[in-house]
Amino acid sequence: MSDLPAVNPEYFDDAIASNLSEDASPMPRFLILYGSVRERSYSRFAAEEAGRLLTKMGAEVKIFNPSGLPLPDDAPDTHPKVLELRELVRWCDGMIWSSPERHGAMSSVMKAQIDWIPLSEGAVRPSQGKTLAVMQVSGGSQSFNAVNQMRILGRWMRMFTIANQSSVPKAWQEFDDAGRMKPSALYDRIVDVTEELFKITLILKPHTAYLADRYSERKESHQELSARMNQAKI
């Protein structure tokens, strides 16, 4: 556990996959988004801690760097950073969104990434049926404005947002000079969040397609097919 110095190995569950996975199918894949491009970005530090934990549990993790991502509608959707983000959304089974709270809300960097995720590709949202965990960092006292907003967006994107969440107050004193989070109850909560996300994703992953299947979309697809097949001859 040398890569996770704040974790007490005696209590770390390293058998989640074997306890919950029924076969040898690939482990879950997670995309992590963070909401600040500052050099000492505490939302990135928290995101990286979560990524290390998920990797230790057996997951495949990718973290998207939002630097260079244009504002929504200020560039074509063929922009390289937009294509990179969208491909990662298609690739993953679940996500973590980690944002600073600014002016009582998630950051514009965080919202821009979410806004570039298309609402539909065909009839299905590329985020539909994926799992989600939300986290935030604050410069002052503990707050939950950003995580609450991200929960609303997760629901809008038709994602299964887990019950647990992380909010780190006075984030500037929770990370060392190397950007690693110090041992604390706040760090333990991030362990809880990643553990729950990993468990829920393992349970849902074999059934994602069925869980995301919707009556209204089946009906709409049937109507579109009927209209196309029954066109009057020209």
C-alpha atoms as a PDB file:
ATOM      1  CA  MET A   1       0.000   0.000   0.000  1.00  0.00           C
ATOM      2  CA  SER A   2       3.009   2.300  -0.441  1.00  0.00           C
ATOM      3  CA  ASP A   3       1.119   4.201  -3.147  1.00  0.00           C
ATOM      4  CA  LEU A   4      -1.708   4.857  -0.666  1.00  0.00           C
ATOM      5  CA  PRO A   5       0.077   6.043   2.487  1.00  0.00           C
ATOM      6  CA  ALA A   6      -3.104   7.455   4.051  1.00  0.00           C
ATOM      7  CA  VAL A   7      -4.879   4.081   3.899  1.00  0.00           C
ATOM      8  CA  ASN A   8      -4.779   1.635   6.775  1.00  0.00           C
ATOM      9  CA  PRO A   9      -4.275  -1.687   4.927  1.00  0.00           C
ATOM     10  CA  GLU A  10      -5.887  -3.610   7.769  1.00  0.00           C
ATOM     11  CA  TYR A  11      -9.279  -2.159   6.833  1.00  0.00           C
ATOM     12  CA  PHE A  12      -8.902  -1.749   3.063  1.00  0.00           C
ATOM     13  CA  ASP A  13     -11.165  -4.156   1.163  1.00  0.00           C
ATOM     14  CA  ASP A  14      -9.068  -5.570  -1.666  1.00  0.00           C
ATOM     15  CA  ALA A  15     -11.500  -8.405  -2.418  1.00  0.00           C
ATOM     16  CA  ILE A  16     -14.445  -6.397  -3.753  1.00  0.00           C
ATOM     17  CA  ALA A  17     -14.162  -7.752  -7.285  1.00  0.00           C
ATOM     18  CA  SER A  18     -13.968 -11.398  -6.217  1.00  0.00           C
ATOM     19  CA  ASN A  19     -16.908 -10.935  -3.838  1.00  0.00           C
ATOM     20  CA  LEU A  20     -19.220  -9.232  -6.331  1.00  0.00           C
ATOM     21  CA  SER A  21     -18.118 -10.234  -9.834  1.00  0.00           C
ATOM     22  CA  GLU A  22     -19.762 -13.441 -11.003  1.00  0.00           C
ATOM     23  CA  ASP A  23     -17.293 -14.145 -13.796  1.00  0.00           C
ATOM     24  CA  ALA A  24     -13.934 -13.081 -15.148  1.00  0.00           C
ATOM     25  CA  SER A  25     -15.360 -10.219 -17.182  1.00  0.00           C
ATOM     26  CA  PRO A  26     -13.245  -7.063 -17.539  1.00  0.00           C
ATOM     27  CA  MET A  27     -13.123  -4.841 -14.473  1.00  0.00           C
ATOM     28  CA  PRO A  28     -15.031  -1.531 -14.533  1.00  0.00           C
ATOM     29  CA  ARG A  29     -13.585   1.425 -16.389  1.00  0.00           C
ATOM     30  CA  PHE A  30     -13.853   4.867 -14.821  1.00  0.00           C
ATOM     31  CA  LEU A  31     -13.480   8.364 -16.228  1.00  0.00           C
ATOM     32  CA  ILE A  32     -12.646  11.104 -13.733  1.00  0.00           C
ATOM     33  CA  LEU A  33     -13.347  14.778 -14.442  1.00  0.00           C
ATOM     34  CA  TYR A  34     -12.067  17.640 -12.294  1.00  0.00           C
ATOM     35  CA  GLY A  35     -12.986  21.294 -12.313  1.00  0.00           C
ATOM     36  CA  SER A  36      -9.876  23.470 -12.082  1.00  0.00           C
ATOM     37  CA  VAL A  37      -6.803  23.979 -14.259  1.00  0.00           C
ATOM     38  CA  ARG A  38      -4.706  25.738 -11.615  1.00  0.00           C
ATOM     39  CA  GLU A  39      -1.258  24.288 -10.909  1.00  0.00           C
ATOM     40  CA  ARG A  40      -2.348  23.432  -7.353  1.00  0.00           C
ATOM     41  CA  SER A  41      -5.823  22.268  -8.219  1.00  0.00           C
ATOM     42  CA  TYR A  42      -7.366  20.684  -5.145  1.00  0.00           C
ATOM     43  CA  SER A  43     -10.222  19.216  -7.169  1.00  0.00           C
ATOM     44  CA  ARG A  44      -7.554  17.506  -9.310  1.00  0.00           C
ATOM     45  CA  PHE A  45      -5.689  16.310  -6.220  1.00  0.00           C
ATOM     46  CA  ALA A  46      -8.909  14.799  -4.853  1.00  0.00           C
ATOM     47  CA  ALA A  47      -9.652  13.269  -8.265  1.00  0.00           C
ATOM     48  CA  GLU A  48      -6.193  11.712  -8.414  1.00  0.00           C
ATOM     49  CA  GLU A  49      -6.610  10.238  -4.922  1.00  0.00           C
ATOM     50  CA  ALA A  50      -9.881   8.676  -6.054  1.00  0.00           C
ATOM     51  CA  GLY A  51      -8.188   7.346  -9.179  1.00  0.00           C
ATOM     52  CA  ARG A  52      -5.431   5.686  -7.162  1.00  0.00           C
ATOM     53  CA  LEU A  53      -7.987   4.017  -4.922  1.00  0.00           C
ATOM     54  CA  LEU A  54     -10.061   2.699  -7.834  1.00  0.00           C
ATOM     55  CA  THR A  55      -6.917   1.406  -9.525  1.00  0.00           C
ATOM     56  CA  LYS A  56      -5.956  -0.417  -6.324  1.00  0.00           C
ATOM     57  CA  MET A  57      -9.409  -2.028  -6.301  1.00  0.00           C
ATOM     58  CA  GLY A  58      -8.777  -3.369  -9.799  1.00  0.00           C
ATOM     59  CA  ALA A  59     -10.451  -0.789 -12.021  1.00  0.00           C
ATOM     60  CA  GLU A  60      -9.076   0.842 -15.144  1.00  0.00           C
ATOM     61  CA  VAL A  61      -8.996   4.614 -14.646  1.00  0.00           C
ATOM     62  CA  LYS A  62      -8.513   7.568 -16.970  1.00  0.00           C
ATOM     63  CA  ILE A  63      -8.453  11.215 -15.860  1.00  0.00           C
ATOM     64  CA  PHE A  64      -9.391  13.885 -18.410  1.00  0.00           C
ATOM     65  CA  ASN A  65      -7.320  17.075 -18.411  1.00  0.00           C
ATOM     66  CA  PRO A  66      -9.733  19.946 -19.196  1.00  0.00           C
ATOM     67  CA  SER A  67      -6.970  22.407 -20.094  1.00  0.00           C
ATOM     68  CA  GLY A  68      -7.542  23.551 -23.662  1.00  0.00           C
ATOM     69  CA  LEU A  69     -11.186  22.426 -23.805  1.00  0.00           C
ATOM     70  CA  PRO A  70     -13.099  25.271 -25.508  1.00  0.00           C
ATOM     71  CA  LEU A  71     -16.249  26.816 -24.134  1.00  0.00           C
ATOM     72  CA  PRO A  72     -19.401  25.001 -25.248  1.00  0.00           C
ATOM     73  CA  ASP A  73     -20.570  26.288 -28.665  1.00  0.00           C
ATOM     74  CA  ASP A  74     -17.352  28.308 -29.065  1.00  0.00           C
ATOM     75  CA  ALA A  75     -15.765  25.615 -31.232  1.00  0.00           C
ATOM     76  CA  PRO A  76     -16.997  22.796 -33.455  1.00  0.00           C
ATOM     77  CA  ASP A  77     -17.571  19.400 -31.902  1.00  0.00           C
ATOM     78  CA  THR A  78     -14.664  18.161 -34.029  1.00  0.00           C
ATOM     79  CA  HIS A  79     -12.230  20.011 -31.739  1.00  0.00           C
ATOM     80  CA  PRO A  80      -9.581  17.499 -30.542  1.00  0.00           C
ATOM     81  CA  LYS A  81     -10.319  18.041 -26.844  1.00  0.00           C
ATOM     82  CA  VAL A  82     -14.052  17.580 -27.420  1.00  0.00           C
ATOM     83  CA  LEU A  83     -13.437  14.375 -29.373  1.00  0.00           C
ATOM     84  CA  GLU A  84     -11.134  13.120 -26.608  1.00  0.00           C
ATOM     85  CA  LEU A  85     -13.721  13.816 -23.898  1.00  0.00           C
ATOM     86  CA  ARG A  86     -16.583  12.226 -25.805  1.00  0.00           C
ATOM     87  CA  GLU A  87     -14.574   9.106 -26.605  1.00  0.00           C
ATOM     88  CA  LEU A  88     -13.714   8.714 -22.918  1.00  0.00           C
ATOM     89  CA  VAL A  89     -17.399   9.044 -21.987  1.00  0.00           C
ATOM     90  CA  ARG A  90     -18.255   6.242 -24.412  1.00  0.00           C
ATOM     91  CA  TRP A  91     -15.358   4.150 -23.066  1.00  0.00           C
ATOM     92  CA  CYS A  92     -16.178   4.275 -19.367  1.00  0.00           C
ATOM     93  CA  ASP A  93     -18.636   2.343 -17.207  1.00  0.00           C
ATOM     94  CA  GLY A  94     -18.766   5.049 -14.541  1.00  0.00           C
ATOM     95  CA  MET A  95     -17.489   8.507 -13.685  1.00  0.00           C
ATOM     96  CA  ILE A  96     -16.347  10.694 -10.839  1.00  0.00           C
ATOM     97  CA  TRP A  97     -16.935  14.444 -11.037  1.00  0.00           C
ATOM     98  CA  SER A  98     -14.707  16.485  -8.700  1.00  0.00           C
ATOM     99  CA  SER A  99     -15.294  20.233  -8.643  1.00  0.00           C
ATOM    100  CA  PRO A 100     -14.262  23.190  -6.553  1.00  0.00           C
ATOM    101  CA  GLU A 101     -17.100  25.317  -5.230  1.00  0.00           C
ATOM    102  CA  ARG A 102     -16.946  28.828  -6.662  1.00  0.00           C
ATOM    103  CA  HIS A 103     -19.515  31.519  -5.919  1.00  0.00           C
ATOM    104  CA  GLY A 104     -21.679  28.851  -4.308  1.00  0.00           C
ATOM    105  CA  ALA A 105     -21.688  26.581  -7.354  1.00  0.00           C
ATOM    106  CA  MET A 106     -19.628  24.127  -9.360  1.00  0.00           C
ATOM    107  CA  SER A 107     -16.880  25.709 -11.420  1.00  0.00           C
ATOM    108  CA  SER A 108     -17.306  26.788 -15.036  1.00  0.00           C
ATOM    109  CA  VAL A 109     -14.523  24.357 -15.991  1.00  0.00           C
ATOM    110  CA  MET A 110     -16.566  21.496 -14.528  1.00  0.00           C
ATOM    111  CA  LYS A 111     -19.821  22.595 -16.155  1.00  0.00           C
ATOM    112  CA  ALA A 112     -18.160  23.067 -19.541  1.00  0.00           C
ATOM    113  CA  GLN A 113     -17.001  19.453 -19.571  1.00  0.00           C
ATOM    114  CA  ILE A 114     -20.480  18.204 -18.736  1.00  0.00           C
ATOM    115  CA  ASP A 115     -22.022  20.490 -21.369  1.00  0.00           C
ATOM    116  CA  TRP A 116     -19.785  19.008 -24.058  1.00  0.00           C
ATOM    117  CA  ILE A 117     -21.153  15.524 -23.336  1.00  0.00           C
ATOM    118  CA  PRO A 118     -23.899  15.131 -25.968  1.00  0.00           C
ATOM    119  CA  LEU A 119     -27.461  14.597 -24.814  1.00  0.00           C
ATOM    120  CA  SER A 120     -27.968  12.021 -27.508  1.00  0.00           C
ATOM    121  CA  GLU A 121     -26.147   9.943 -30.080  1.00  0.00           C
ATOM    122  CA  GLY A 122     -28.966   8.461 -32.049  1.00  0.00           C
ATOM    123  CA  ALA A 123     -31.719   8.012 -29.470  1.00  0.00           C
ATOM    124  CA  VAL A 124     -29.489   7.250 -26.479  1.00  0.00           C
ATOM    125  CA  ARG A 125     -27.418   9.548 -24.270  1.00  0.00           C
ATOM    126  CA  PRO A 126     -23.822   8.281 -24.127  1.00  0.00           C
ATOM    127  CA  SER A 127     -23.881   8.762 -20.350  1.00  0.00           C
ATOM    128  CA  GLN A 128     -27.112   6.786 -19.922  1.00  0.00           C
ATOM    129  CA  GLY A 129     -26.864   3.847 -17.542  1.00  0.00           C
ATOM    130  CA  LYS A 130     -23.375   4.693 -16.276  1.00  0.00           C
ATOM    131  CA  THR A 131     -22.603   5.152 -12.604  1.00  0.00           C
ATOM    132  CA  LEU A 132     -21.506   8.446 -11.055  1.00  0.00           C
ATOM    133  CA  ALA A 133     -19.923   9.702  -7.849  1.00  0.00           C
ATOM    134  CA  VAL A 134     -19.680  13.414  -7.025  1.00  0.00           C
ATOM    135  CA  MET A 135     -17.058  15.217  -4.946  1.00  0.00           C
ATOM    136  CA  GLN A 136     -16.218  18.833  -4.180  1.00  0.00           C
ATOM    137  CA  VAL A 137     -13.531  20.894  -2.500  1.00  0.00           C
ATOM    138  CA  SER A 138     -13.970  24.269  -0.827  1.00  0.00           C
ATOM    139  CA  GLY A 139     -11.588  26.986   0.262  1.00  0.00           C
ATOM    140  CA  GLY A 140     -13.645  27.738   3.354  1.00  0.00           C
ATOM    141  CA  SER A 141     -16.196  25.956   5.486  1.00  0.00           C
ATOM    142  CA  GLN A 142     -17.854  22.758   4.360  1.00  0.00           C
ATOM    143  CA  SER A 143     -20.577  23.159   1.756  1.00  0.00           C
ATOM    144  CA  PHE A 144     -22.612  20.885  -0.486  1.00  0.00           C
ATOM    145  CA  ASN A 145     -23.755  23.283  -3.217  1.00  0.00           C
ATOM    146  CA  ALA A 146     -21.494  21.867  -5.936  1.00  0.00           C
ATOM    147  CA  VAL A 147     -22.241  18.197  -5.213  1.00  0.00           C
ATOM    148  CA  ASN A 148     -25.967  18.947  -5.078  1.00  0.00           C
ATOM    149  CA  GLN A 149     -25.807  20.627  -8.489  1.00  0.00           C
ATOM    150  CA  MET A 150     -23.802  17.783  -9.951  1.00  0.00           C
ATOM    151  CA  ARG A 151     -26.377  15.314  -8.642  1.00  0.00           C
ATOM    152  CA  ILE A 152     -29.055  17.161 -10.618  1.00  0.00           C
ATOM    153  CA  LEU A 153     -26.898  16.993 -13.737  1.00  0.00           C
ATOM    154  CA  GLY A 154     -26.190  13.314 -13.171  1.00  0.00           C
ATOM    155  CA  ARG A 155     -29.905  12.633 -13.072  1.00  0.00           C
ATOM    156  CA  TRP A 156     -30.384  14.727 -16.220  1.00  0.00           C
ATOM    157  CA  MET A 157     -27.663  12.694 -17.945  1.00  0.00           C
ATOM    158  CA  ARG A 158     -29.552   9.521 -16.855  1.00  0.00           C
ATOM    159  CA  MET A 159     -26.734   8.234 -14.700  1.00  0.00           C
ATOM    160  CA  PHE A 160     -26.947   6.116 -11.548  1.00  0.00           C
ATOM    161  CA  THR A 161     -25.491   8.506  -8.973  1.00  0.00           C
ATOM    162  CA  ILE A 162     -24.401   6.729  -5.808  1.00  0.00           C
ATOM    163  CA  ALA A 163     -25.696   7.809  -2.415  1.00  0.00           C
ATOM    164  CA  ASN A 164     -22.311   8.651  -0.897  1.00  0.00           C
ATOM    165  CA  GLN A 165     -20.379  11.816  -1.719  1.00  0.00           C
ATOM    166  CA  SER A 166     -17.330  13.795  -0.593  1.00  0.00           C
ATOM    167  CA  SER A 167     -17.023  17.462   0.400  1.00  0.00           C
ATOM    168  CA  VAL A 168     -13.594  18.662   1.527  1.00  0.00           C
ATOM    169  CA  PRO A 169     -13.605  22.016   3.396  1.00  0.00           C
ATOM    170  CA  LYS A 170     -10.482  24.175   3.707  1.00  0.00           C
ATOM    171  CA  ALA A 171      -8.895  22.008   1.055  1.00  0.00           C
ATOM    172  CA  TRP A 172      -5.673  24.016   1.179  1.00  0.00           C
ATOM    173  CA  GLN A 173      -4.809  22.411   4.517  1.00  0.00           C
ATOM    174  CA  GLU A 174      -5.783  18.836   3.561  1.00  0.00           C
ATOM    175  CA  PHE A 175      -3.076  18.233   0.934  1.00  0.00           C
ATOM    176  CA  ASP A 176       0.691  18.185   1.326  1.00  0.00           C
ATOM    177  CA  ASP A 177       3.235  19.906  -0.925  1.00  0.00           C
ATOM    178  CA  ALA A 178       3.223  16.931  -3.305  1.00  0.00           C
ATOM    179  CA  GLY A 179      -0.545  17.131  -3.703  1.00  0.00           C
ATOM    180  CA  ARG A 180      -1.251  14.026  -1.645  1.00  0.00           C
ATOM    181  CA  MET A 181      -4.157  14.084   0.774  1.00  0.00           C
ATOM    182  CA  LYS A 182      -3.266  13.791   4.433  1.00  0.00           C
ATOM    183  CA  PRO A 183      -4.814  11.061   6.610  1.00  0.00           C
ATOM    184  CA  SER A 184      -8.116  12.306   8.048  1.00  0.00           C
ATOM    185  CA  ALA A 185     -11.810  11.561   8.257  1.00  0.00           C
ATOM    186  CA  LEU A 186     -12.168  13.582   5.039  1.00  0.00           C
ATOM    187  CA  TYR A 187      -9.765  11.237   3.258  1.00  0.00           C
ATOM    188  CA  ASP A 188     -11.634   8.254   4.684  1.00  0.00           C
ATOM    189  CA  ARG A 189     -14.811   9.596   3.079  1.00  0.00           C
ATOM    190  CA  ILE A 190     -13.122   9.592  -0.326  1.00  0.00           C
ATOM    191  CA  VAL A 191     -12.187   5.950   0.291  1.00  0.00           C
ATOM    192  CA  ASP A 192     -15.845   5.285   1.150  1.00  0.00           C
ATOM    193  CA  VAL A 193     -17.041   7.009  -2.027  1.00  0.00           C
ATOM    194  CA  THR A 194     -14.699   5.113  -4.347  1.00  0.00           C
ATOM    195  CA  GLU A 195     -15.444   1.820  -2.631  1.00  0.00           C
ATOM    196  CA  GLU A 196     -19.192   2.315  -3.006  1.00  0.00           C
ATOM    197  CA  LEU A 197     -18.847   3.451  -6.624  1.00  0.00           C
ATOM    198  CA  PHE A 198     -16.757   0.382  -7.436  1.00  0.00           C
ATOM    199  CA  LYS A 199     -19.248  -1.966  -5.765  1.00  0.00           C
ATOM    200  CA  ILE A 200     -22.330  -0.448  -7.408  1.00  0.00           C
ATOM    201  CA  THR A 201     -20.650  -0.432 -10.817  1.00  0.00           C
ATOM    202  CA  LEU A 202     -19.687  -4.081 -10.483  1.00  0.00           C
ATOM    203  CA  ILE A 203     -23.289  -4.964  -9.650  1.00  0.00           C
ATOM    204  CA  LEU A 204     -24.843  -2.893 -12.445  1.00  0.00           C
ATOM    205  CA  LYS A 205     -22.264  -3.460 -15.201  1.00  0.00           C
ATOM    206  CA  PRO A 206     -23.636  -6.819 -16.473  1.00  0.00           C
ATOM    207  CA  HIS A 207     -27.135  -5.319 -16.691  1.00  0.00           C
ATOM    208  CA  THR A 208     -26.437  -1.783 -17.954  1.00  0.00           C
ATOM    209  CA  ALA A 209     -27.992  -2.239 -21.383  1.00  0.00           C
ATOM    210  CA  TYR A 210     -31.189  -3.657 -19.915  1.00  0.00           C
ATOM    211  CA  LEU A 211     -31.411  -1.084 -17.131  1.00  0.00           C
ATOM    212  CA  ALA A 212     -30.983   1.741 -19.661  1.00  0.00           C
ATOM    213  CA  ASP A 213     -33.658   0.305 -21.962  1.00  0.00           C
ATOM    214  CA  ARG A 214     -36.740   2.558 -21.860  1.00  0.00           C
ATOM    215  CA  TYR A 215     -40.324   2.110 -22.957  1.00  0.00           C
ATOM    216  CA  SER A 216     -40.541   5.579 -24.517  1.00  0.00           C
ATOM    217  CA  GLU A 217     -37.383   5.029 -26.561  1.00  0.00           C
ATOM    218  CA  ARG A 218     -38.528   1.604 -27.768  1.00  0.00           C
ATOM    219  CA  LYS A 219     -41.853   3.140 -28.778  1.00  0.00           C
ATOM    220  CA  GLU A 220     -40.206   6.062 -30.550  1.00  0.00           C
ATOM    221  CA  SER A 221     -37.819   3.777 -32.422  1.00  0.00           C
ATOM    222  CA  HIS A 222     -40.725   1.576 -33.564  1.00  0.00           C
ATOM    223  CA  GLN A 223     -42.675   4.589 -34.799  1.00  0.00           C
ATOM    224  CA  GLU A 224     -39.668   5.928 -36.725  1.00  0.00           C
ATOM    225  CA  LEU A 225     -39.093   2.518 -38.314  1.00  0.00           C
ATOM    226  CA  SER A 226     -42.777   2.201 -39.283  1.00  0.00           C
ATOM    227  CA  ALA A 227     -42.798   5.662 -40.831  1.00  0.00           C
ATOM    228  CA  ARG A 228     -39.701   4.879 -42.895  1.00  0.00           C
ATOM    229  CA  MET A 229     -40.949   1.469 -44.070  1.00  0.00           C
ATOM    230  CA  ASN A 230     -44.456   2.704 -44.955  1.00  0.00           C
ATOM    231  CA  GLN A 231     -43.562   5.728 -47.066  1.00  0.00           C
ATOM    232  CA  ALA A 232     -45.777   6.207 -50.084  1.00  0.00           C
ATOM    233  CA  LYS A 233     -44.154   5.259 -53.359  1.00  0.00           C
ATOM    234  CA  ILE A 234     -42.881   8.229 -55.328  1.00  0.00           C
END
